[in-house]
């Protein structure tokens, strides 16, 4: 019965997603299914929201647009929310229209942005989807104002099993390990701090395979500053890199 309920719920969720105008199979979560996986993804936006107050924001790989709405609600001056999937952009415009949000279909690797035109660049679980993430990182770095912030959330690949799991995901193109992401980010003129994304709620940990409505809230997830080495021991859900565009007084690029 439990197995039947699981697959029946997955089928119903898929039908609802199609009825909403979205693709039935991709990695983009959507607010029509507020399961544990969605809540964990939403928490990443909420944890980054304080950086958005008064900021000109780029939400790179915005998916269905719920996160852009979080930034608008946090007081962003403007939010440019881009995604390469036209159906996701259509959904986002329909459900999360806001005076400060501009939803556009765009490819992160082909993006052109004016220099020093953004205060915050946010990218959640997108870099691993790019063939050449360094191209987007260069664009993001150039677009940030001095002292601006970029947030990059990526899967923390710390074991061979996790590496093989990510390689098995059709949509993943750059399956870098955590040290490789840190080394790549260190090539650009910003100071980078790594945070570990963890579950801090009561009860059993979230089940990211569950198709059923979550009993969790975004407040059940938090960030803890930590090193790459510590991540190998503790296996956080997400590696949350916060990069600050350096001033002339800062030292060379570093990842803490």
Protein backbone atom coordinates (compact mmCIF):
# COMPACT_ATOMS: atom_id res chain seq x y z
CA UNK A 1 0.00 0.00 0.00
CA UNK A 2 2.82 2.40 0.86
CA UNK A 3 4.52 1.77 -2.48
CA UNK A 4 1.22 2.27 -4.31
CA UNK A 5 0.59 5.55 -2.48
CA UNK A 6 4.09 6.76 -3.36
CA UNK A 7 3.76 6.11 -7.09
CA UNK A 8 0.15 7.27 -7.19
CA UNK A 9 1.15 10.58 -5.59
CA UNK A 10 4.08 10.97 -7.98
CA UNK A 11 1.74 10.39 -10.91
CA UNK A 12 -0.75 12.95 -9.62
CA UNK A 13 2.03 15.48 -9.01
CA UNK A 14 3.25 14.99 -12.57
CA UNK A 15 -0.22 15.48 -14.00
CA UNK A 16 -0.67 18.67 -11.97
CA UNK A 17 2.68 19.94 -13.20
CA UNK A 18 1.74 19.32 -16.83
CA UNK A 19 -1.66 20.94 -16.27
CA UNK A 20 0.19 24.01 -14.98
CA UNK A 21 2.06 24.29 -18.27
CA UNK A 22 5.41 22.89 -17.08
CA UNK A 23 7.51 20.00 -18.28
CA UNK A 24 6.77 16.78 -16.36
CA UNK A 25 10.39 15.73 -16.05
CA UNK A 26 13.21 18.11 -15.17
CA UNK A 27 15.13 19.11 -12.07
CA UNK A 28 13.29 22.35 -11.47
CA UNK A 29 11.13 22.23 -8.35
CA UNK A 30 7.83 24.09 -8.42
CA UNK A 31 5.53 25.49 -5.71
CA UNK A 32 2.68 23.19 -6.74
CA UNK A 33 4.44 20.38 -4.87
CA UNK A 34 5.67 21.68 -1.52
CA UNK A 35 7.50 18.53 -0.53
CA UNK A 36 10.72 18.35 1.50
CA UNK A 37 12.82 18.95 -1.61
CA UNK A 38 10.95 22.13 -2.49
CA UNK A 39 11.15 23.51 1.04
CA UNK A 40 14.91 22.88 1.14
CA UNK A 41 15.35 24.73 -2.17
CA UNK A 42 13.13 27.57 -0.99
CA UNK A 43 15.20 27.87 2.18
CA UNK A 44 18.28 28.70 0.08
CA UNK A 45 16.49 31.78 -1.27
CA UNK A 46 15.30 32.77 2.19
CA UNK A 47 18.81 32.42 3.58
CA UNK A 48 20.13 34.67 0.80
CA UNK A 49 17.27 37.17 1.11
CA UNK A 50 19.08 39.57 3.51
CA UNK A 51 21.61 40.30 0.75
CA UNK A 52 18.76 41.41 -1.54
CA UNK A 53 17.50 44.39 0.46
CA UNK A 54 17.90 47.49 -1.73
CA UNK A 55 19.93 45.51 -4.25
CA UNK A 56 19.89 45.07 -8.00
CA UNK A 57 19.65 41.29 -8.19
CA UNK A 58 20.29 38.64 -10.82
CA UNK A 59 18.50 35.35 -10.12
CA UNK A 60 20.37 33.09 -12.53
CA UNK A 61 18.43 29.92 -13.27
CA UNK A 62 15.26 31.19 -11.61
CA UNK A 63 13.15 28.17 -12.57
CA UNK A 64 9.48 28.74 -11.78
CA UNK A 65 10.12 32.13 -10.18
CA UNK A 66 9.27 31.55 -6.53
CA UNK A 67 12.76 32.63 -5.44
CA UNK A 68 12.64 35.88 -7.40
CA UNK A 69 9.47 36.64 -5.45
CA UNK A 70 11.39 36.03 -2.21
CA UNK A 71 13.97 38.63 -3.25
CA UNK A 72 11.26 41.11 -4.23
CA UNK A 73 9.60 40.59 -0.85
CA UNK A 74 12.95 41.21 0.85
CA UNK A 75 13.09 44.70 -0.64
CA UNK A 76 15.19 44.23 -3.77
CA UNK A 77 15.46 47.33 -5.95
CA UNK A 78 15.18 45.15 -9.05
CA UNK A 79 15.33 41.45 -9.88
CA UNK A 80 16.40 40.15 -13.28
CA UNK A 81 15.30 36.51 -13.20
CA UNK A 82 16.52 34.35 -16.08
CA UNK A 83 16.09 30.74 -17.10
CA UNK A 84 16.72 28.80 -20.30
CA UNK A 85 13.35 26.99 -20.10
CA UNK A 86 10.61 29.06 -21.75
CA UNK A 87 7.84 27.15 -19.96
CA UNK A 88 9.33 27.99 -16.57
CA UNK A 89 9.54 31.66 -17.55
CA UNK A 90 5.91 31.55 -18.72
CA UNK A 91 4.86 30.03 -15.40
CA UNK A 92 6.92 32.54 -13.42
CA UNK A 93 5.39 35.53 -15.21
CA UNK A 94 1.91 34.15 -14.64
CA UNK A 95 2.31 33.34 -10.94
CA UNK A 96 4.99 35.68 -9.60
CA UNK A 97 4.60 38.92 -11.51
CA UNK A 98 5.89 41.87 -9.49
CA UNK A 99 6.82 45.47 -10.37
CA UNK A 100 10.51 44.96 -9.58
CA UNK A 101 10.88 41.54 -11.27
CA UNK A 102 11.76 41.04 -14.93
CA UNK A 103 11.54 37.41 -16.06
CA UNK A 104 13.53 36.62 -19.20
CA UNK A 105 14.47 33.52 -21.16
CA UNK A 106 18.27 33.48 -21.30
CA UNK A 107 21.22 31.11 -21.22
CA UNK A 108 23.62 31.70 -18.31
CA UNK A 109 26.59 30.81 -20.51
CA UNK A 110 25.61 33.34 -23.19
CA UNK A 111 24.58 36.12 -20.84
CA UNK A 112 25.78 39.67 -21.45
CA UNK A 113 25.55 42.14 -18.57
CA UNK A 114 26.89 45.68 -18.15
CA UNK A 115 29.94 45.99 -15.92
CA UNK A 116 29.21 46.86 -12.29
CA UNK A 117 25.45 46.77 -12.83
CA UNK A 118 24.47 44.34 -10.04
CA UNK A 119 24.68 44.24 -6.27
CA UNK A 120 23.72 40.57 -5.87
CA UNK A 121 24.11 37.56 -8.12
CA UNK A 122 22.31 34.43 -6.93
CA UNK A 123 22.52 30.98 -8.46
CA UNK A 124 21.00 27.96 -6.75
CA UNK A 125 21.82 24.49 -8.08
CA UNK A 126 22.55 25.87 -11.54
CA UNK A 127 26.34 25.85 -12.01
CA UNK A 128 26.41 22.05 -12.25
CA UNK A 129 24.00 22.32 -15.21
CA UNK A 130 26.48 24.39 -17.25
CA UNK A 131 29.05 23.02 -19.68
CA UNK A 132 31.35 25.94 -18.91
CA UNK A 133 30.47 27.42 -15.50
CA UNK A 134 33.61 29.54 -15.62
CA UNK A 135 32.03 31.55 -18.45
CA UNK A 136 29.07 32.49 -16.30
CA UNK A 137 31.28 33.16 -13.27
CA UNK A 138 33.35 35.61 -15.31
CA UNK A 139 30.18 37.40 -16.40
CA UNK A 140 28.88 37.50 -12.84
CA UNK A 141 32.16 38.83 -11.47
CA UNK A 142 32.33 41.59 -14.06
CA UNK A 143 28.69 42.59 -13.46
CA UNK A 144 29.09 42.96 -9.69
CA UNK A 145 29.83 46.33 -8.16
CA UNK A 146 32.81 46.59 -5.86
CA UNK A 147 31.65 45.16 -2.54
CA UNK A 148 28.78 43.34 -4.25
CA UNK A 149 27.83 39.77 -3.34
CA UNK A 150 27.46 36.59 -5.33
CA UNK A 151 25.88 33.44 -3.87
CA UNK A 152 26.45 30.08 -5.54
CA UNK A 153 24.72 26.99 -4.17
CA UNK A 154 26.01 23.68 -5.56
CA UNK A 155 25.79 20.00 -4.66
CA UNK A 156 28.60 19.13 -2.23
CA UNK A 157 30.27 16.23 -4.01
CA UNK A 158 32.51 14.78 -1.32
CA UNK A 159 32.42 11.01 -2.01
CA UNK A 160 32.75 8.75 -5.03
CA UNK A 161 29.16 7.57 -4.50
CA UNK A 162 27.83 11.14 -4.60
CA UNK A 163 29.96 11.84 -7.69
CA UNK A 164 28.51 8.85 -9.52
CA UNK A 165 25.00 9.84 -8.45
CA UNK A 166 25.45 13.30 -9.93
CA UNK A 167 27.00 11.92 -13.10
CA UNK A 168 23.89 9.81 -13.49
CA UNK A 169 21.64 12.90 -13.58
CA UNK A 170 20.97 13.77 -17.20
CA UNK A 171 20.86 17.52 -16.59
CA UNK A 172 24.22 17.75 -14.80
CA UNK A 173 27.14 18.79 -16.98
CA UNK A 174 29.83 20.01 -14.55
CA UNK A 175 30.06 17.51 -11.73
CA UNK A 176 32.89 19.17 -9.84
CA UNK A 177 33.93 18.08 -6.40
CA UNK A 178 33.78 20.58 -3.58
CA UNK A 179 37.53 21.36 -3.74
CA UNK A 180 37.20 21.85 -7.52
CA UNK A 181 34.36 24.36 -7.05
CA UNK A 182 36.41 26.19 -4.43
CA UNK A 183 39.43 26.31 -6.74
CA UNK A 184 37.32 27.58 -9.65
CA UNK A 185 35.76 30.34 -7.56
CA UNK A 186 39.20 31.36 -6.30
CA UNK A 187 40.18 32.33 -9.86
CA UNK A 188 38.00 35.45 -9.70
CA UNK A 189 38.47 38.74 -7.81
CA UNK A 190 36.26 38.05 -4.83
CA UNK A 191 36.67 36.80 -1.30
CA UNK A 192 34.70 33.58 -0.83
CA UNK A 193 33.24 32.07 2.32
CA UNK A 194 31.77 28.57 2.36
CA UNK A 195 28.65 27.81 4.37
CA UNK A 196 27.14 24.38 5.00
CA UNK A 197 23.38 24.11 4.42
CA UNK A 198 21.89 21.88 7.12
CA UNK A 199 18.61 20.70 8.60
CA UNK A 200 18.14 22.07 12.12
CA UNK A 201 14.52 21.14 12.75
CA UNK A 202 13.19 18.54 15.15
CA UNK A 203 12.30 15.00 14.21
CA UNK A 204 13.70 12.85 11.41
CA UNK A 205 15.69 14.48 8.58
CA UNK A 206 13.84 15.50 5.41
CA UNK A 207 13.17 12.94 2.70
CA UNK A 208 14.08 14.51 -0.63
CA UNK A 209 12.50 11.63 -2.56
CA UNK A 210 9.08 12.08 -0.95
CA UNK A 211 6.25 13.28 -3.23
CA UNK A 212 4.04 14.13 -0.25
CA UNK A 213 3.47 17.59 1.29
CA UNK A 214 6.25 18.57 3.66
CA UNK A 215 5.84 19.11 7.37
CA UNK A 216 9.02 21.17 7.31
CA UNK A 217 9.40 24.92 7.00
CA UNK A 218 12.23 27.03 5.65
CA UNK A 219 13.19 27.85 9.24
CA UNK A 220 14.13 24.17 9.69
CA UNK A 221 17.21 24.81 7.53
CA UNK A 222 20.19 27.01 8.35
CA UNK A 223 23.73 27.86 7.29
CA UNK A 224 26.95 27.21 9.17
CA UNK A 225 30.30 28.59 8.14
CA UNK A 226 32.72 25.75 7.52
CA UNK A 227 35.68 24.62 5.50
CA UNK A 228 35.85 22.29 2.53
CA UNK A 229 37.58 19.74 4.74
CA UNK A 230 34.79 19.89 7.33
CA UNK A 231 32.21 19.29 4.60
CA UNK A 232 33.85 15.95 3.85
CA UNK A 233 33.18 14.91 7.43
CA UNK A 234 29.69 16.30 7.87
CA UNK A 235 28.15 16.06 4.34
CA UNK A 236 25.88 19.15 4.21
CA UNK A 237 22.85 19.20 1.92
CA UNK A 238 24.21 22.09 -0.12
CA UNK A 239 27.49 23.96 -0.42
CA UNK A 240 26.60 27.65 -0.14
CA UNK A 241 29.44 29.85 -1.39
CA UNK A 242 29.16 33.57 -0.62
CA UNK A 243 31.55 35.67 -2.73
CA UNK A 244 32.18 39.35 -2.06
CA UNK A 245 33.60 41.43 -4.91
CA UNK A 246 36.83 42.77 -3.52
CA UNK A 247 38.00 46.35 -3.19
CA UNK A 248 41.51 47.60 -3.88
CA UNK A 249 42.25 47.31 -0.16
CA UNK A 250 41.40 43.62 -0.02
CA UNK A 251 43.98 40.91 -0.55
CA UNK A 252 44.05 38.34 -3.34
CA UNK A 253 41.21 35.90 -4.06
CA UNK A 254 40.64 33.34 -1.35
CA UNK A 255 38.18 30.71 -0.23
CA UNK A 256 37.70 30.44 3.51
